[in-house]
């Protein structure tokens, strides 16, 4: 079990996907666990960053629109650029490629 996506082979166990998103959130100065929907009360509206649609999302269902994918994918690449190779980089790059493809096809990227 875990988080899978359409258009790519990226996969995380649920707990590891949460950890991955926490690392992304820290890159933009956010503590994900203090955010609404993650046990806290802070609103995502307080942050203006292209990675927000990936952070403010259910980890087991739903989709990112083609427009969101087109904004999130390049930002995801920027945020992970300095991460060590063993820190989810390959999965994140696969996810970004899936987002690129979904945007190109004008299709949503599904979380499954």
Protein backbone atom coordinates (compact mmCIF):
# COMPACT_ATOMS: atom_id res chain seq x y z
CA UNK A 1 0.00 0.00 0.00
CA UNK A 2 0.99 3.56 -0.46
CA UNK A 3 0.71 6.54 -2.74
CA UNK A 4 0.89 6.04 -6.50
CA UNK A 5 0.20 8.42 -9.35
CA UNK A 6 -1.01 8.28 -12.90
CA UNK A 7 1.56 8.97 -15.64
CA UNK A 8 4.59 7.97 -13.60
CA UNK A 9 6.17 5.24 -11.50
CA UNK A 10 6.65 7.39 -8.39
CA UNK A 11 5.56 5.57 -5.25
CA UNK A 12 5.80 6.22 -1.54
CA UNK A 13 4.46 4.42 1.50
CA UNK A 14 1.97 6.77 3.17
CA UNK A 15 4.29 7.67 6.05
CA UNK A 16 7.23 8.25 3.73
CA UNK A 17 5.10 10.46 1.47
CA UNK A 18 4.23 12.55 4.50
CA UNK A 19 7.92 12.79 5.38
CA UNK A 20 8.72 13.77 1.78
CA UNK A 21 6.13 16.55 1.83
CA UNK A 22 7.39 17.73 5.23
CA UNK A 23 10.86 18.10 3.69
CA UNK A 24 9.40 20.07 0.78
CA UNK A 25 7.46 22.26 3.18
CA UNK A 26 10.60 23.02 5.20
CA UNK A 27 12.26 24.19 1.97
CA UNK A 28 9.69 27.02 1.80
CA UNK A 29 9.71 27.77 5.54
CA UNK A 30 6.59 25.82 6.42
CA UNK A 31 6.00 23.26 9.17
CA UNK A 32 3.52 20.95 7.45
CA UNK A 33 2.36 19.46 10.74
CA UNK A 34 1.10 22.90 11.82
CA UNK A 35 -1.06 23.25 8.72
CA UNK A 36 -4.80 22.74 8.50
CA UNK A 37 -5.46 19.17 7.46
CA UNK A 38 -2.22 17.92 9.02
CA UNK A 39 -3.09 18.39 12.67
CA UNK A 40 -2.60 22.14 12.88
CA UNK A 41 -4.67 25.23 12.28
CA UNK A 42 -2.56 27.37 9.94
CA UNK A 43 -4.00 28.03 6.51
CA UNK A 44 -2.15 27.21 3.32
CA UNK A 45 -3.42 30.57 2.04
CA UNK A 46 -0.68 32.18 4.15
CA UNK A 47 1.91 30.79 1.71
CA UNK A 48 2.39 31.77 -1.91
CA UNK A 49 4.48 29.09 -3.57
CA UNK A 50 3.94 26.91 -6.63
CA UNK A 51 4.52 23.76 -4.54
CA UNK A 52 1.38 24.37 -2.42
CA UNK A 53 -0.99 22.23 -4.55
CA UNK A 54 1.20 19.19 -3.81
CA UNK A 55 1.43 19.98 -0.10
CA UNK A 56 -2.23 20.89 0.42
CA UNK A 57 -3.57 17.64 -0.96
CA UNK A 58 -4.90 14.34 0.25
CA UNK A 59 -2.30 11.61 0.14
CA UNK A 60 -4.63 8.89 -1.04
CA UNK A 61 -7.05 10.26 -3.60
CA UNK A 62 -7.83 13.16 -5.85
CA UNK A 63 -5.90 14.87 -8.58
CA UNK A 64 -3.80 17.81 -9.59
CA UNK A 65 -5.10 19.73 -12.58
CA UNK A 66 -2.97 20.08 -15.70
CA UNK A 67 -2.41 23.75 -14.76
CA UNK A 68 -1.29 22.81 -11.25
CA UNK A 69 1.03 20.16 -12.68
CA UNK A 70 2.60 22.73 -15.01
CA UNK A 71 3.40 24.97 -12.01
CA UNK A 72 4.32 22.30 -9.45
CA UNK A 73 6.73 20.21 -11.56
CA UNK A 74 9.39 22.89 -12.13
CA UNK A 75 9.12 24.06 -8.52
CA UNK A 76 9.50 20.50 -7.28
CA UNK A 77 12.70 20.17 -9.30
CA UNK A 78 14.01 23.44 -7.84
CA UNK A 79 13.30 22.41 -4.27
CA UNK A 80 14.99 19.00 -4.52
CA UNK A 81 17.99 20.18 -6.56
CA UNK A 82 20.30 20.30 -3.54
CA UNK A 83 19.02 17.16 -1.82
CA UNK A 84 21.32 14.14 -1.49
CA UNK A 85 20.46 11.42 -4.03
CA UNK A 86 19.10 9.10 -1.35
CA UNK A 87 16.53 11.67 -0.15
CA UNK A 88 13.55 10.84 -2.38
CA UNK A 89 15.18 12.51 -5.38
CA UNK A 90 14.48 9.74 -7.91
CA UNK A 91 10.86 9.39 -6.82
CA UNK A 92 10.43 13.18 -6.90
CA UNK A 93 11.93 13.42 -10.39
CA UNK A 94 9.62 10.65 -11.57
CA UNK A 95 6.67 12.54 -10.08
CA UNK A 96 7.77 15.76 -11.81
CA UNK A 97 8.01 13.90 -15.12
CA UNK A 98 4.50 12.52 -14.60
CA UNK A 99 3.27 16.04 -13.91
CA UNK A 100 4.95 17.30 -17.08
CA UNK A 101 3.27 14.58 -19.10
CA UNK A 102 -0.14 15.19 -17.52
CA UNK A 103 0.16 18.91 -18.28
CA UNK A 104 1.25 18.20 -21.87
CA UNK A 105 -1.70 15.84 -22.36
CA UNK A 106 -4.03 18.34 -20.64
CA UNK A 107 -5.04 15.59 -18.21
CA UNK A 108 -5.10 15.57 -14.42
CA UNK A 109 -2.45 13.71 -12.45
CA UNK A 110 -4.33 11.28 -10.24
CA UNK A 111 -3.30 10.20 -6.75
CA UNK A 112 -4.15 6.52 -6.39
